[in-house]
C-alpha atoms as a PDB file:
ATOM      1  CA  ALA A   1      -6.818  -7.135  14.138  1.00  0.00           C
ATOM      2  CA  VAL A   2      -5.390  -9.200  11.293  1.00  0.00           C
ATOM      3  CA  VAL A   3      -5.857  -6.303   8.861  1.00  0.00           C
ATOM      4  CA  SER A   4      -3.918  -3.979  11.155  1.00  0.00           C
ATOM      5  CA  THR A   5      -1.137  -6.577  11.327  1.00  0.00           C
ATOM      6  CA  GLN A   6      -0.994  -6.537   7.535  1.00  0.00           C
ATOM      7  CA  SER A   7      -0.824  -2.728   7.575  1.00  0.00           C
ATOM      8  CA  THR A   8       2.010  -2.831  10.091  1.00  0.00           C
ATOM      9  CA  GLY A   9       3.891  -5.338   7.926  1.00  0.00           C
ATOM     10  CA  ILE A  10       3.413  -3.134   4.876  1.00  0.00           C
ATOM     11  CA  GLU A  11       4.792  -0.091   6.704  1.00  0.00           C
ATOM     12  CA  GLN A  12       7.772  -2.030   8.036  1.00  0.00           C
ATOM     13  CA  ASN A  13       8.628  -3.335   4.582  1.00  0.00           C
ATOM     14  CA  LYS A  14       8.259   0.137   3.072  1.00  0.00           C
ATOM     15  CA  ASN A  15      10.747   1.421   5.633  1.00  0.00           C
ATOM     16  CA  ARG A  16      13.166  -1.465   4.970  1.00  0.00           C
ATOM     17  CA  GLY A  17      12.938  -0.926   1.229  1.00  0.00           C
ATOM     18  CA  LYS A  18      13.462   2.805   1.536  1.00  0.00           C
ATOM     19  CA  HIS A  19      16.435   2.252   3.858  1.00  0.00           C
ATOM     20  CA  ALA A  20      17.979  -0.189   1.368  1.00  0.00           C
ATOM     21  CA  GLU A  21      17.437   2.220  -1.541  1.00  0.00           C
ATOM     22  CA  LEU A  22      18.934   5.186   0.318  1.00  0.00           C
ATOM     23  CA  THR A  23      21.900   3.106   1.441  1.00  0.00           C
ATOM     24  CA  TYR A  24      22.333   1.879  -2.145  1.00  0.00           C
ATOM     25  CA  MET A  25      22.509   5.450  -3.431  1.00  0.00           C
ATOM     26  CA  GLU A  26      25.091   6.422  -0.800  1.00  0.00           C
ATOM     27  CA  VAL A  27      27.253   3.359  -1.407  1.00  0.00           C
ATOM     28  CA  LYS A  28      27.071   3.883  -5.173  1.00  0.00           C
ATOM     29  CA  GLN A  29      28.381   7.439  -4.744  1.00  0.00           C
ATOM     30  CA  SER A  30      31.375   6.302  -2.703  1.00  0.00           C
ATOM     31  CA  ASN A  31      34.756   5.623  -4.263  1.00  0.00           C
ATOM     32  CA  SER A  32      35.406   2.068  -5.402  1.00  0.00           C
ATOM     33  CA  ASP A  33      38.478   1.915  -3.131  1.00  0.00           C
ATOM     34  CA  THR A  34      36.412   2.741  -0.030  1.00  0.00           C
ATOM     35  CA  LYS A  35      36.357  -0.109   2.474  1.00  0.00           C
ATOM     36  CA  LEU A  36      32.809  -1.343   3.008  1.00  0.00           C
ATOM     37  CA  TYR A  37      31.777  -3.653   5.811  1.00  0.00           C
ATOM     38  CA  GLU A  38      28.670  -5.792   6.112  1.00  0.00           C
ATOM     39  CA  SER A  39      27.125  -6.466   9.494  1.00  0.00           C
ATOM     40  CA  VAL A  40      26.925 -10.185  10.232  1.00  0.00           C
ATOM     41  CA  GLY A  41      25.565 -10.787  13.694  1.00  0.00           C
ATOM     42  CA  ARG A  42      27.979  -9.089  16.077  1.00  0.00           C
ATOM     43  CA  MET A  43      30.837  -8.734  13.622  1.00  0.00           C
ATOM     44  CA  PHE A  44      31.587  -6.878  10.434  1.00  0.00           C
ATOM     45  CA  VAL A  45      32.911  -8.502   7.273  1.00  0.00           C
ATOM     46  CA  LEU A  46      34.855  -6.612   4.619  1.00  0.00           C
ATOM     47  CA  GLU A  47      32.991  -6.803   1.287  1.00  0.00           C
ATOM     48  CA  THR A  48      33.467  -5.321  -2.161  1.00  0.00           C
ATOM     49  CA  GLN A  49      31.263  -2.490  -3.324  1.00  0.00           C
ATOM     50  CA  ASP A  50      29.646  -4.734  -5.963  1.00  0.00           C
ATOM     51  CA  VAL A  51      28.626  -7.337  -3.382  1.00  0.00           C
ATOM     52  CA  ILE A  52      27.147  -4.700  -1.080  1.00  0.00           C
ATOM     53  CA  LEU A  53      25.236  -3.054  -3.936  1.00  0.00           C
ATOM     54  CA  GLU A  54      23.821  -6.400  -5.069  1.00  0.00           C
ATOM     55  CA  GLN A  55      22.679  -7.230  -1.538  1.00  0.00           C
ATOM     56  CA  LEU A  56      20.996  -3.848  -1.209  1.00  0.00           C
ATOM     57  CA  LYS A  57      19.204  -4.343  -4.544  1.00  0.00           C
ATOM     58  CA  ASP A  58      18.003  -7.752  -3.378  1.00  0.00           C
ATOM     59  CA  ARG A  59      16.795  -6.337  -0.078  1.00  0.00           C
ATOM     60  CA  ALA A  60      14.819  -3.586  -1.814  1.00  0.00           C
ATOM     61  CA  ALA A  61      13.320  -6.064  -4.295  1.00  0.00           C
ATOM     62  CA  LYS A  62      12.305  -8.477  -1.527  1.00  0.00           C
ATOM     63  CA  SER A  63      10.644  -5.615   0.343  1.00  0.00           C
ATOM     64  CA  ARG A  64       8.659  -4.635  -2.761  1.00  0.00           C
ATOM     65  CA  ASP A  65       7.563  -8.246  -3.296  1.00  0.00           C
ATOM     66  CA  THR A  66       6.543  -8.621   0.332  1.00  0.00           C
ATOM     67  CA  ILE A  67       4.584  -5.352   0.173  1.00  0.00           C
ATOM     68  CA  GLN A  68       2.658  -6.582  -2.867  1.00  0.00           C
ATOM     69  CA  LYS A  69       1.845  -9.883  -1.160  1.00  0.00           C
ATOM     70  CA  LEU A  70       0.742  -8.166   2.032  1.00  0.00           C
ATOM     71  CA  GLU A  71      -1.434  -5.675   0.143  1.00  0.00           C
ATOM     72  CA  SER A  72      -3.174  -8.473  -1.750  1.00  0.00           C
ATOM     73  CA  GLN A  73      -3.709 -10.373   1.512  1.00  0.00           C
ATOM     74  CA  LYS A  74      -5.054  -7.209   3.110  1.00  0.00           C
ATOM     75  CA  GLY A  75      -7.480  -6.716   0.216  1.00  0.00           C
ATOM     76  CA  TYR A  76      -8.668 -10.305   0.511  1.00  0.00           C
ATOM     77  CA  LEU A  77      -9.121  -9.968   4.265  1.00  0.00           C
ATOM     78  CA  ASN A  78     -11.060  -6.699   3.904  1.00  0.00           C
ATOM     79  CA  LYS A  79     -13.325  -8.284   1.297  1.00  0.00           C
ATOM     80  CA  ASN A  80     -13.869 -11.330   3.483  1.00  0.00           C
ATOM     81  CA  LEU A  81     -14.616  -9.110   6.493  1.00  0.00           C
ATOM     82  CA  LYS A  82     -17.238  -7.109   4.575  1.00  0.00           C
ATOM     83  CA  GLU A  83     -18.893 -10.294   3.327  1.00  0.00           C
ATOM     84  CA  SER A  84     -19.006 -11.673   6.867  1.00  0.00           C
ATOM     85  CA  GLU A  85     -20.474  -8.423   8.201  1.00  0.00           C
ATOM     86  CA  ASN A  86     -23.172  -8.444   5.529  1.00  0.00           C
ATOM     87  CA  ALA A  87     -24.003 -12.085   6.241  1.00  0.00           C
ATOM     88  CA  LEU A  88     -24.278 -11.311   9.947  1.00  0.00           C
ATOM     89  CA  ARG A  89     -26.540  -8.308   9.255  1.00  0.00           C
ATOM     90  CA  GLU A  90     -28.800 -10.461   7.113  1.00  0.00           C
ATOM     91  CA  LEU A  91     -28.939 -13.115   9.838  1.00  0.00           C
ATOM     92  CA  VAL A  92     -29.849 -10.516  12.474  1.00  0.00           C
ATOM     93  CA  GLU A  93     -32.559  -9.048  10.220  1.00  0.00           C
ATOM     94  CA  THR A  94     -33.955 -12.519   9.565  1.00  0.00           C
ATOM     95  CA  LYS A  95     -34.117 -13.214  13.303  1.00  0.00           C
ATOM     96  CA  LYS A  96     -35.768  -9.846  13.966  1.00  0.00           C
ATOM     97  CA  THR A  97     -38.479 -10.471  11.387  1.00  0.00           C
ATOM     98  CA  ALA A  98     -39.007 -14.007  12.717  1.00  0.00           C
ATOM     99  CA  VAL A  99     -39.412 -12.696  16.290  1.00  0.00           C
ATOM    100  CA  ALA A 100     -41.744  -9.894  15.112  1.00  0.00           C
ATOM    101  CA  LYS A 101     -44.171 -12.418  13.594  1.00  0.00           C
END
């Protein structure tokens, strides 16, 4: 269950990062005199192209960092799960041999 939560988080951050990168490319292609607005809650604030581009870069970078953290956590959890399964198997085998005697 926890591993699937990590996978879901990874997918969500991949989507956020991709969205930020695609938006970055579109904003970069626009004219510098184009009015750009940032969504803040329920309102929109007029921002310069440079500010918007910097925010999009930050968003994409944060998504990449979060993905790396989640993947390492997922690897640790998978390793821990396998070790626990093996320990449980050994315990069951030990009990079976003890009962057989």
